[in-house]
Amino acid sequence: MTPDQYCQNKTAKSGSSFYYSFLFLSVKQRQAITALYAFCREVDDIVDNVHEADVARTKLDWWRQEIQRTYQGTATHPIGKALCIAITHYDLHQEYFVEIIDGMAMDLDQFSYSEFKQLALYCHRVASAVALLSVEIFGYKNRTTLKYAQNIGMALQLTNIIRDIREDAERGRIYLPLDEVSRFNVKTDDLLSLKSSPELVELLKYQSHRAKQYFHQAMTVLPDDDRYNQRASLIMANIYQATLSEIEQDDFQVMQYRVSLTPLRKFWIAWTTARAQKRWKDPAT
């Protein structure tokens, strides 16, 4: 199995919505973005699947060393070898990979966040750092697009937190800021025991509003001349916004089941988004 095949299998097994945005990339871009997301999946799996915290820390430390080896051209893991190819084509900053690992490591030490400022650091590391690497692969002309990446990463992660609240609670994790949980009269014990309530619905409405603000900020700062280059990112944004809309329409029953879009709907969103950006680039098409 080649390094690229390993990465493809890793991302395919995750069943991620990101697959649909990859469909509209060049072969070189697809290789790089698949390697990036395989890396993210690999380090995330360490935190989720390794039950001994010290063992998980050791594995994450190994990946810090592997990222160093990757930038020295001596990677040993299939994902590292695939990333070696990616960094020869794109300006992928090494510190962002380290930030992603640092974000994953936070899950080993923190199971909740007292306020949004703390949570925002986590979101930046596990999502905005990924988005900043992704825009380098997708390409941009205007550096303001980096602000778009920071905001879209926050928006996607905050949507994940709302969607995955039950799954996270089952692992003993609460990603809703505890000061806001208290303000809305929601008990942390109720969250961890998967209990829904009118108070929780109001809390989640508040979280949804924040996520939508980040989506709005991202779209506001994205320069027109980079919209076509960022079409893969816009596909992800539209899929996640549609998911958030479904959750809202379902009155935030996320403690009962996980809300997700059908593959057909995701493909439709991807196709229409990509087509819209092509039309914007060339109105004659």
C-alpha atoms as a PDB file:
ATOM      1  CA  MET A   1       0.000   0.000   0.000  1.00  0.00           C
ATOM      2  CA  THR A   2       1.392   3.386  -0.989  1.00  0.00           C
ATOM      3  CA  PRO A   3       1.362   6.367   1.413  1.00  0.00           C
ATOM      4  CA  ASP A   4      -1.369   8.017  -0.672  1.00  0.00           C
ATOM      5  CA  GLN A   5      -3.491   4.853  -0.585  1.00  0.00           C
ATOM      6  CA  TYR A   6      -3.075   4.711   3.196  1.00  0.00           C
ATOM      7  CA  CYS A   7      -4.294   8.313   3.469  1.00  0.00           C
ATOM      8  CA  GLN A   8      -7.232   7.668   1.155  1.00  0.00           C
ATOM      9  CA  ASN A   9      -8.303   4.666   3.226  1.00  0.00           C
ATOM     10  CA  LYS A  10      -7.930   6.651   6.445  1.00  0.00           C
ATOM     11  CA  THR A  11     -10.151   9.491   5.260  1.00  0.00           C
ATOM     12  CA  ALA A  12     -12.682   7.150   3.619  1.00  0.00           C
ATOM     13  CA  LYS A  13     -13.163   5.183   6.859  1.00  0.00           C
ATOM     14  CA  SER A  14     -13.962   8.372   8.759  1.00  0.00           C
ATOM     15  CA  GLY A  15     -17.046   8.983   6.586  1.00  0.00           C
ATOM     16  CA  SER A  16     -16.288  12.702   6.761  1.00  0.00           C
ATOM     17  CA  SER A  17     -18.234  15.328   4.856  1.00  0.00           C
ATOM     18  CA  PHE A  18     -14.875  16.663   3.695  1.00  0.00           C
ATOM     19  CA  TYR A  19     -14.888  13.957   0.988  1.00  0.00           C
ATOM     20  CA  TYR A  20     -17.451  15.927  -0.990  1.00  0.00           C
ATOM     21  CA  SER A  21     -15.299  19.039  -1.122  1.00  0.00           C
ATOM     22  CA  PHE A  22     -12.328  17.014  -2.381  1.00  0.00           C
ATOM     23  CA  LEU A  23     -14.237  16.009  -5.526  1.00  0.00           C
ATOM     24  CA  PHE A  24     -13.676  19.385  -7.167  1.00  0.00           C
ATOM     25  CA  LEU A  25      -9.906  19.646  -6.644  1.00  0.00           C
ATOM     26  CA  SER A  26      -7.003  18.921  -8.952  1.00  0.00           C
ATOM     27  CA  VAL A  27      -5.090  15.661  -8.502  1.00  0.00           C
ATOM     28  CA  LYS A  28      -2.199  17.476  -6.792  1.00  0.00           C
ATOM     29  CA  GLN A  29      -4.529  19.351  -4.460  1.00  0.00           C
ATOM     30  CA  ARG A  30      -6.467  16.182  -3.656  1.00  0.00           C
ATOM     31  CA  GLN A  31      -3.252  14.365  -2.723  1.00  0.00           C
ATOM     32  CA  ALA A  32      -2.219  17.142  -0.355  1.00  0.00           C
ATOM     33  CA  ILE A  33      -5.600  17.706   1.299  1.00  0.00           C
ATOM     34  CA  THR A  34      -6.143  13.965   1.743  1.00  0.00           C
ATOM     35  CA  ALA A  35      -2.758  13.682   3.461  1.00  0.00           C
ATOM     36  CA  LEU A  36      -3.651  16.625   5.712  1.00  0.00           C
ATOM     37  CA  TYR A  37      -6.996  15.155   6.754  1.00  0.00           C
ATOM     38  CA  ALA A  38      -5.504  11.701   7.233  1.00  0.00           C
ATOM     39  CA  PHE A  39      -3.048  13.310   9.655  1.00  0.00           C
ATOM     40  CA  CYS A  40      -5.898  15.023  11.504  1.00  0.00           C
ATOM     41  CA  ARG A  41      -7.823  11.748  11.682  1.00  0.00           C
ATOM     42  CA  GLU A  42      -4.761   9.861  12.904  1.00  0.00           C
ATOM     43  CA  VAL A  43      -4.010  12.173  15.834  1.00  0.00           C
ATOM     44  CA  ASP A  44      -7.704  12.537  16.690  1.00  0.00           C
ATOM     45  CA  ASP A  45      -8.051   8.746  16.824  1.00  0.00           C
ATOM     46  CA  ILE A  46      -5.211   8.592  19.333  1.00  0.00           C
ATOM     47  CA  VAL A  47      -7.146  10.768  21.757  1.00  0.00           C
ATOM     48  CA  ASP A  48     -10.486   9.030  21.158  1.00  0.00           C
ATOM     49  CA  ASN A  49      -9.321   5.419  21.067  1.00  0.00           C
ATOM     50  CA  VAL A  50      -6.319   5.173  23.401  1.00  0.00           C
ATOM     51  CA  HIS A  51      -7.745   4.844  26.889  1.00  0.00           C
ATOM     52  CA  GLU A  52      -4.495   5.339  28.815  1.00  0.00           C
ATOM     53  CA  ALA A  53      -3.757   9.095  28.853  1.00  0.00           C
ATOM     54  CA  ASP A  54       0.008   8.602  29.269  1.00  0.00           C
ATOM     55  CA  VAL A  55       0.106   6.249  26.277  1.00  0.00           C
ATOM     56  CA  ALA A  56      -1.875   8.757  24.211  1.00  0.00           C
ATOM     57  CA  ARG A  57       0.553  11.552  25.177  1.00  0.00           C
ATOM     58  CA  THR A  58       3.475   9.370  24.135  1.00  0.00           C
ATOM     59  CA  LYS A  59       1.848   8.710  20.775  1.00  0.00           C
ATOM     60  CA  LEU A  60       1.152  12.424  20.233  1.00  0.00           C
ATOM     61  CA  ASP A  61       4.774  13.197  21.137  1.00  0.00           C
ATOM     62  CA  TRP A  62       5.821  10.633  18.532  1.00  0.00           C
ATOM     63  CA  TRP A  63       3.781  12.579  15.971  1.00  0.00           C
ATOM     64  CA  ARG A  64       5.514  15.813  16.968  1.00  0.00           C
ATOM     65  CA  GLN A  65       8.780  14.079  16.118  1.00  0.00           C
ATOM     66  CA  GLU A  66       7.297  12.655  12.915  1.00  0.00           C
ATOM     67  CA  ILE A  67       6.273  16.150  11.768  1.00  0.00           C
ATOM     68  CA  GLN A  68       9.884  17.244  12.358  1.00  0.00           C
ATOM     69  CA  ARG A  69      11.089  14.291  10.298  1.00  0.00           C
ATOM     70  CA  THR A  70       8.544  15.141   7.604  1.00  0.00           C
ATOM     71  CA  TYR A  71       9.984  18.625   7.181  1.00  0.00           C
ATOM     72  CA  GLN A  72      13.474  17.126   7.123  1.00  0.00           C
ATOM     73  CA  GLY A  73      12.422  14.683   4.395  1.00  0.00           C
ATOM     74  CA  THR A  74      12.884  11.600   6.611  1.00  0.00           C
ATOM     75  CA  ALA A  75       9.277  10.691   7.530  1.00  0.00           C
ATOM     76  CA  THR A  76       8.686   7.087   8.543  1.00  0.00           C
ATOM     77  CA  HIS A  77       4.866   6.891   8.718  1.00  0.00           C
ATOM     78  CA  PRO A  78       2.778   6.616   5.496  1.00  0.00           C
ATOM     79  CA  ILE A  79       0.973   9.872   6.374  1.00  0.00           C
ATOM     80  CA  GLY A  80       4.278  11.627   7.008  1.00  0.00           C
ATOM     81  CA  LYS A  81       5.564  10.381   3.653  1.00  0.00           C
ATOM     82  CA  ALA A  82       2.425  11.652   1.902  1.00  0.00           C
ATOM     83  CA  LEU A  83       2.840  15.015   3.651  1.00  0.00           C
ATOM     84  CA  CYS A  84       6.441  15.127   2.409  1.00  0.00           C
ATOM     85  CA  ILE A  85       5.026  15.309  -1.107  1.00  0.00           C
ATOM     86  CA  ALA A  86       2.430  17.922  -0.137  1.00  0.00           C
ATOM     87  CA  ILE A  87       4.936  20.309   1.432  1.00  0.00           C
ATOM     88  CA  THR A  88       7.027  20.316  -1.743  1.00  0.00           C
ATOM     89  CA  HIS A  89       4.037  21.783  -3.600  1.00  0.00           C
ATOM     90  CA  TYR A  90       2.438  24.034  -0.983  1.00  0.00           C
ATOM     91  CA  ASP A  91       3.577  26.444   1.716  1.00  0.00           C
ATOM     92  CA  LEU A  92       2.300  24.413   4.661  1.00  0.00           C
ATOM     93  CA  HIS A  93       3.654  25.902   7.867  1.00  0.00           C
ATOM     94  CA  GLN A  94       5.071  23.342  10.273  1.00  0.00           C
ATOM     95  CA  GLU A  95       3.787  25.180  13.347  1.00  0.00           C
ATOM     96  CA  TYR A  96       0.172  24.592  12.291  1.00  0.00           C
ATOM     97  CA  PHE A  97       0.698  20.817  12.415  1.00  0.00           C
ATOM     98  CA  VAL A  98       2.154  21.223  15.905  1.00  0.00           C
ATOM     99  CA  GLU A  99      -0.841  23.362  16.912  1.00  0.00           C
ATOM    100  CA  ILE A 100      -3.200  20.615  15.747  1.00  0.00           C
ATOM    101  CA  ILE A 101      -1.352  18.092  17.921  1.00  0.00           C
ATOM    102  CA  ASP A 102      -1.424  20.543  20.843  1.00  0.00           C
ATOM    103  CA  GLY A 103      -5.188  20.883  20.373  1.00  0.00           C
ATOM    104  CA  MET A 104      -5.658  17.129  20.448  1.00  0.00           C
ATOM    105  CA  ALA A 105      -3.516  16.956  23.590  1.00  0.00           C
ATOM    106  CA  MET A 106      -5.886  19.396  25.300  1.00  0.00           C
ATOM    107  CA  ASP A 107      -8.515  16.636  25.222  1.00  0.00           C
ATOM    108  CA  LEU A 108      -6.282  14.539  27.459  1.00  0.00           C
ATOM    109  CA  ASP A 109      -6.103  17.195  30.154  1.00  0.00           C
ATOM    110  CA  GLN A 110      -9.385  19.097  29.850  1.00  0.00           C
ATOM    111  CA  PHE A 111     -12.878  17.655  29.753  1.00  0.00           C
ATOM    112  CA  SER A 112     -14.594  21.049  29.901  1.00  0.00           C
ATOM    113  CA  TYR A 113     -13.895  24.760  29.433  1.00  0.00           C
ATOM    114  CA  SER A 114     -14.849  27.405  31.950  1.00  0.00           C
ATOM    115  CA  GLU A 115     -15.415  30.168  29.385  1.00  0.00           C
ATOM    116  CA  PHE A 116     -15.495  30.742  25.653  1.00  0.00           C
ATOM    117  CA  LYS A 117     -12.019  32.289  25.567  1.00  0.00           C
ATOM    118  CA  GLN A 118     -10.557  28.929  26.610  1.00  0.00           C
ATOM    119  CA  LEU A 119     -12.737  27.016  24.185  1.00  0.00           C
ATOM    120  CA  ALA A 120     -11.743  29.393  21.365  1.00  0.00           C
ATOM    121  CA  LEU A 121      -8.086  28.406  21.808  1.00  0.00           C
ATOM    122  CA  TYR A 122      -9.062  24.742  21.469  1.00  0.00           C
ATOM    123  CA  CYS A 123     -11.148  25.483  18.371  1.00  0.00           C
ATOM    124  CA  HIS A 124      -8.306  27.459  16.818  1.00  0.00           C
ATOM    125  CA  ARG A 125      -5.877  24.593  17.294  1.00  0.00           C
ATOM    126  CA  VAL A 126      -8.072  21.713  16.112  1.00  0.00           C
ATOM    127  CA  ALA A 127      -9.985  23.555  13.368  1.00  0.00           C
ATOM    128  CA  SER A 128      -8.665  26.979  12.367  1.00  0.00           C
ATOM    129  CA  ALA A 129      -5.101  25.639  12.076  1.00  0.00           C
ATOM    130  CA  VAL A 130      -6.463  22.972   9.702  1.00  0.00           C
ATOM    131  CA  ALA A 131      -8.318  25.631   7.719  1.00  0.00           C
ATOM    132  CA  LEU A 132      -5.162  27.761   7.456  1.00  0.00           C
ATOM    133  CA  LEU A 133      -3.287  24.780   6.008  1.00  0.00           C
ATOM    134  CA  SER A 134      -6.209  24.002   3.698  1.00  0.00           C
ATOM    135  CA  VAL A 135      -6.342  27.467   2.120  1.00  0.00           C
ATOM    136  CA  GLU A 136      -2.679  27.129   1.198  1.00  0.00           C
ATOM    137  CA  ILE A 137      -3.578  23.996  -0.745  1.00  0.00           C
ATOM    138  CA  PHE A 138      -6.677  25.527  -2.328  1.00  0.00           C
ATOM    139  CA  GLY A 139      -4.762  28.680  -3.237  1.00  0.00           C
ATOM    140  CA  TYR A 140      -5.371  32.381  -2.655  1.00  0.00           C
ATOM    141  CA  LYS A 141      -4.319  35.771  -4.040  1.00  0.00           C
ATOM    142  CA  ASN A 142      -5.374  38.007  -1.162  1.00  0.00           C
ATOM    143  CA  ARG A 143      -3.981  37.503   2.355  1.00  0.00           C
ATOM    144  CA  THR A 144      -7.375  38.493   3.772  1.00  0.00           C
ATOM    145  CA  THR A 145      -8.373  34.944   2.852  1.00  0.00           C
ATOM    146  CA  LEU A 146      -6.353  33.836   5.888  1.00  0.00           C
ATOM    147  CA  LYS A 147      -8.876  35.692   8.081  1.00  0.00           C
ATOM    148  CA  TYR A 148     -11.602  33.798   6.236  1.00  0.00           C
ATOM    149  CA  ALA A 149      -9.827  30.532   7.151  1.00  0.00           C
ATOM    150  CA  GLN A 150      -9.605  31.438  10.830  1.00  0.00           C
ATOM    151  CA  ASN A 151     -13.320  32.266  10.979  1.00  0.00           C
ATOM    152  CA  ILE A 152     -14.526  29.299   8.938  1.00  0.00           C
ATOM    153  CA  GLY A 153     -12.494  26.938  11.118  1.00  0.00           C
ATOM    154  CA  MET A 154     -14.190  28.347  14.216  1.00  0.00           C
ATOM    155  CA  ALA A 155     -17.630  28.078  12.588  1.00  0.00           C
ATOM    156  CA  LEU A 156     -17.131  24.452  11.563  1.00  0.00           C
ATOM    157  CA  GLN A 157     -15.848  23.410  14.986  1.00  0.00           C
ATOM    158  CA  LEU A 158     -18.654  25.170  16.856  1.00  0.00           C
ATOM    159  CA  THR A 159     -21.143  23.377  14.596  1.00  0.00           C
ATOM    160  CA  ASN A 160     -19.389  20.093  15.404  1.00  0.00           C
ATOM    161  CA  ILE A 161     -19.728  20.803  19.115  1.00  0.00           C
ATOM    162  CA  ILE A 162     -23.500  21.303  18.794  1.00  0.00           C
ATOM    163  CA  ARG A 163     -23.968  18.274  16.536  1.00  0.00           C
ATOM    164  CA  ASP A 164     -21.770  15.945  18.608  1.00  0.00           C
ATOM    165  CA  ILE A 165     -22.881  16.987  22.101  1.00  0.00           C
ATOM    166  CA  ARG A 166     -24.273  13.529  22.907  1.00  0.00           C
ATOM    167  CA  GLU A 167     -21.222  11.654  21.632  1.00  0.00           C
ATOM    168  CA  ASP A 168     -18.881  13.970  23.540  1.00  0.00           C
ATOM    169  CA  ALA A 169     -20.929  13.677  26.748  1.00  0.00           C
ATOM    170  CA  GLU A 170     -20.697   9.896  26.514  1.00  0.00           C
ATOM    171  CA  ARG A 171     -16.912  10.372  26.655  1.00  0.00           C
ATOM    172  CA  GLY A 172     -17.285  12.648  29.669  1.00  0.00           C
ATOM    173  CA  ARG A 173     -16.541  15.805  27.685  1.00  0.00           C
ATOM    174  CA  ILE A 174     -18.445  19.089  27.659  1.00  0.00           C
ATOM    175  CA  TYR A 175     -17.398  21.605  25.024  1.00  0.00           C
ATOM    176  CA  LEU A 176     -20.049  24.186  25.917  1.00  0.00           C
ATOM    177  CA  PRO A 177     -18.494  26.995  28.021  1.00  0.00           C
ATOM    178  CA  LEU A 178     -19.400  26.234  31.619  1.00  0.00           C
ATOM    179  CA  ASP A 179     -20.186  29.859  32.492  1.00  0.00           C
ATOM    180  CA  GLU A 180     -22.808  29.835  29.727  1.00  0.00           C
ATOM    181  CA  VAL A 181     -24.097  26.437  30.822  1.00  0.00           C
ATOM    182  CA  SER A 182     -24.667  27.932  34.272  1.00  0.00           C
ATOM    183  CA  ARG A 183     -26.217  31.108  32.879  1.00  0.00           C
ATOM    184  CA  PHE A 184     -28.875  29.065  31.061  1.00  0.00           C
ATOM    185  CA  ASN A 185     -29.566  26.981  34.195  1.00  0.00           C
ATOM    186  CA  VAL A 186     -28.331  23.751  32.667  1.00  0.00           C
ATOM    187  CA  LYS A 187     -26.696  21.259  35.027  1.00  0.00           C
ATOM    188  CA  THR A 188     -23.455  19.626  33.944  1.00  0.00           C
ATOM    189  CA  ASP A 189     -24.666  16.344  35.461  1.00  0.00           C
ATOM    190  CA  ASP A 190     -27.682  16.473  33.150  1.00  0.00           C
ATOM    191  CA  LEU A 191     -25.401  16.990  30.154  1.00  0.00           C
ATOM    192  CA  LEU A 192     -23.243  14.028  31.119  1.00  0.00           C
ATOM    193  CA  SER A 193     -26.325  11.853  31.678  1.00  0.00           C
ATOM    194  CA  LEU A 194     -27.620  12.871  28.216  1.00  0.00           C
ATOM    195  CA  LYS A 195     -30.738  14.641  29.497  1.00  0.00           C
ATOM    196  CA  SER A 196     -32.445  17.162  27.275  1.00  0.00           C
ATOM    197  CA  SER A 197     -34.465  20.095  28.621  1.00  0.00           C
ATOM    198  CA  PRO A 198     -35.994  23.410  27.496  1.00  0.00           C
ATOM    199  CA  GLU A 199     -33.028  25.133  29.167  1.00  0.00           C
ATOM    200  CA  LEU A 200     -30.588  23.085  27.089  1.00  0.00           C
ATOM    201  CA  VAL A 201     -32.453  24.002  23.907  1.00  0.00           C
ATOM    202  CA  GLU A 202     -32.085  27.702  24.759  1.00  0.00           C
ATOM    203  CA  LEU A 203     -28.385  27.196  25.489  1.00  0.00           C
ATOM    204  CA  LEU A 204     -27.889  25.481  22.144  1.00  0.00           C
ATOM    205  CA  LYS A 205     -29.756  28.257  20.348  1.00  0.00           C
ATOM    206  CA  TYR A 206     -27.213  30.633  21.828  1.00  0.00           C
ATOM    207  CA  GLN A 207     -24.338  28.429  20.644  1.00  0.00           C
ATOM    208  CA  SER A 208     -25.903  28.173  17.184  1.00  0.00           C
ATOM    209  CA  HIS A 209     -26.123  31.951  16.960  1.00  0.00           C
ATOM    210  CA  ARG A 210     -22.400  32.189  17.736  1.00  0.00           C
ATOM    211  CA  ALA A 211     -21.542  29.619  15.057  1.00  0.00           C
ATOM    212  CA  LYS A 212     -23.635  31.536  12.509  1.00  0.00           C
ATOM    213  CA  GLN A 213     -21.805  34.737  13.444  1.00  0.00           C
ATOM    214  CA  TYR A 214     -18.507  33.062  12.574  1.00  0.00           C
ATOM    215  CA  PHE A 215     -19.938  31.796   9.283  1.00  0.00           C
ATOM    216  CA  HIS A 216     -21.094  35.355   8.524  1.00  0.00           C
ATOM    217  CA  GLN A 217     -17.711  36.852   9.441  1.00  0.00           C
ATOM    218  CA  ALA A 218     -15.958  34.294   7.236  1.00  0.00           C
ATOM    219  CA  MET A 219     -18.113  35.063   4.200  1.00  0.00           C
ATOM    220  CA  THR A 220     -17.810  38.800   4.792  1.00  0.00           C
ATOM    221  CA  VAL A 221     -13.998  38.819   4.729  1.00  0.00           C
ATOM    222  CA  LEU A 222     -13.525  36.298   1.883  1.00  0.00           C
ATOM    223  CA  PRO A 223     -12.268  38.363  -1.087  1.00  0.00           C
ATOM    224  CA  ASP A 224     -14.219  37.991  -4.320  1.00  0.00           C
ATOM    225  CA  ASP A 225     -11.083  37.103  -6.269  1.00  0.00           C
ATOM    226  CA  ASP A 226     -10.487  34.063  -4.038  1.00  0.00           C
ATOM    227  CA  ARG A 227     -14.000  32.611  -4.012  1.00  0.00           C
ATOM    228  CA  TYR A 228     -13.311  30.229  -6.903  1.00  0.00           C
ATOM    229  CA  ASN A 229     -10.022  29.019  -5.417  1.00  0.00           C
ATOM    230  CA  GLN A 230     -11.772  28.420  -2.091  1.00  0.00           C
ATOM    231  CA  ARG A 231     -14.736  26.542  -3.593  1.00  0.00           C
ATOM    232  CA  ALA A 232     -13.801  23.346  -1.703  1.00  0.00           C
ATOM    233  CA  SER A 233     -13.874  25.268   1.564  1.00  0.00           C
ATOM    234  CA  LEU A 234     -17.172  26.897   0.588  1.00  0.00           C
ATOM    235  CA  ILE A 235     -18.624  23.439  -0.069  1.00  0.00           C
ATOM    236  CA  MET A 236     -17.732  22.433   3.476  1.00  0.00           C
ATOM    237  CA  ALA A 237     -19.178  25.672   4.837  1.00  0.00           C
ATOM    238  CA  ASN A 238     -22.463  25.100   3.017  1.00  0.00           C
ATOM    239  CA  ILE A 239     -22.712  21.463   4.133  1.00  0.00           C
ATOM    240  CA  TYR A 240     -22.121  22.474   7.741  1.00  0.00           C
ATOM    241  CA  GLN A 241     -24.554  25.386   7.545  1.00  0.00           C
ATOM    242  CA  ALA A 242     -27.183  23.029   6.150  1.00  0.00           C
ATOM    243  CA  THR A 243     -26.486  20.625   9.031  1.00  0.00           C
ATOM    244  CA  LEU A 244     -26.840  23.442  11.553  1.00  0.00           C
ATOM    245  CA  SER A 245     -30.115  24.456   9.911  1.00  0.00           C
ATOM    246  CA  GLU A 246     -31.396  20.872  10.212  1.00  0.00           C
ATOM    247  CA  ILE A 247     -30.502  20.858  13.898  1.00  0.00           C
ATOM    248  CA  GLU A 248     -32.361  24.134  14.416  1.00  0.00           C
ATOM    249  CA  GLN A 249     -35.427  22.912  12.536  1.00  0.00           C
ATOM    250  CA  ASP A 250     -35.367  19.774  14.686  1.00  0.00           C
ATOM    251  CA  ASP A 251     -35.468  21.994  17.795  1.00  0.00           C
ATOM    252  CA  PHE A 252     -31.988  20.923  18.915  1.00  0.00           C
ATOM    253  CA  GLN A 253     -32.832  17.317  19.742  1.00  0.00           C
ATOM    254  CA  VAL A 254     -29.138  16.456  19.549  1.00  0.00           C
ATOM    255  CA  MET A 255     -29.215  14.613  22.863  1.00  0.00           C
ATOM    256  CA  GLN A 256     -31.572  12.092  21.284  1.00  0.00           C
ATOM    257  CA  TYR A 257     -29.677  11.354  18.060  1.00  0.00           C
ATOM    258  CA  ARG A 258     -26.979  12.687  15.760  1.00  0.00           C
ATOM    259  CA  VAL A 259     -28.276  14.879  12.953  1.00  0.00           C
ATOM    260  CA  SER A 260     -26.570  14.355   9.602  1.00  0.00           C
ATOM    261  CA  LEU A 261     -27.290  14.985   5.933  1.00  0.00           C
ATOM    262  CA  THR A 262     -27.739  12.177   3.418  1.00  0.00           C
ATOM    263  CA  PRO A 263     -24.853  11.525   1.002  1.00  0.00           C
ATOM    264  CA  LEU A 264     -27.098  12.613  -1.888  1.00  0.00           C
ATOM    265  CA  ARG A 265     -27.845  15.945  -0.249  1.00  0.00           C
ATOM    266  CA  LYS A 266     -24.181  16.517   0.525  1.00  0.00           C
ATOM    267  CA  PHE A 267     -23.285  15.793  -3.091  1.00  0.00           C
ATOM    268  CA  TRP A 268     -26.015  18.160  -4.293  1.00  0.00           C
ATOM    269  CA  ILE A 269     -24.706  20.939  -2.041  1.00  0.00           C
ATOM    270  CA  ALA A 270     -21.163  20.269  -3.258  1.00  0.00           C
ATOM    271  CA  TRP A 271     -22.145  20.306  -6.937  1.00  0.00           C
ATOM    272  CA  THR A 272     -24.309  23.427  -6.736  1.00  0.00           C
ATOM    273  CA  THR A 273     -21.712  25.291  -4.668  1.00  0.00           C
ATOM    274  CA  ALA A 274     -18.884  24.425  -7.057  1.00  0.00           C
ATOM    275  CA  ARG A 275     -21.030  25.368 -10.042  1.00  0.00           C
ATOM    276  CA  ALA A 276     -22.002  28.675  -8.461  1.00  0.00           C
ATOM    277  CA  GLN A 277     -18.354  29.598  -7.931  1.00  0.00           C
ATOM    278  CA  LYS A 278     -17.503  28.666 -11.530  1.00  0.00           C
ATOM    279  CA  ARG A 279     -20.336  30.833 -12.775  1.00  0.00           C
ATOM    280  CA  TRP A 280     -19.072  33.653 -10.576  1.00  0.00           C
ATOM    281  CA  LYS A 281     -15.565  33.239 -12.036  1.00  0.00           C
ATOM    282  CA  ASP A 282     -16.816  33.121 -15.600  1.00  0.00           C
ATOM    283  CA  PRO A 283     -20.360  34.546 -15.993  1.00  0.00           C
ATOM    284  CA  ALA A 284     -20.492  33.229 -19.566  1.00  0.00           C
ATOM    285  CA  THR A 285     -20.573  29.580 -18.417  1.00  0.00           C
END
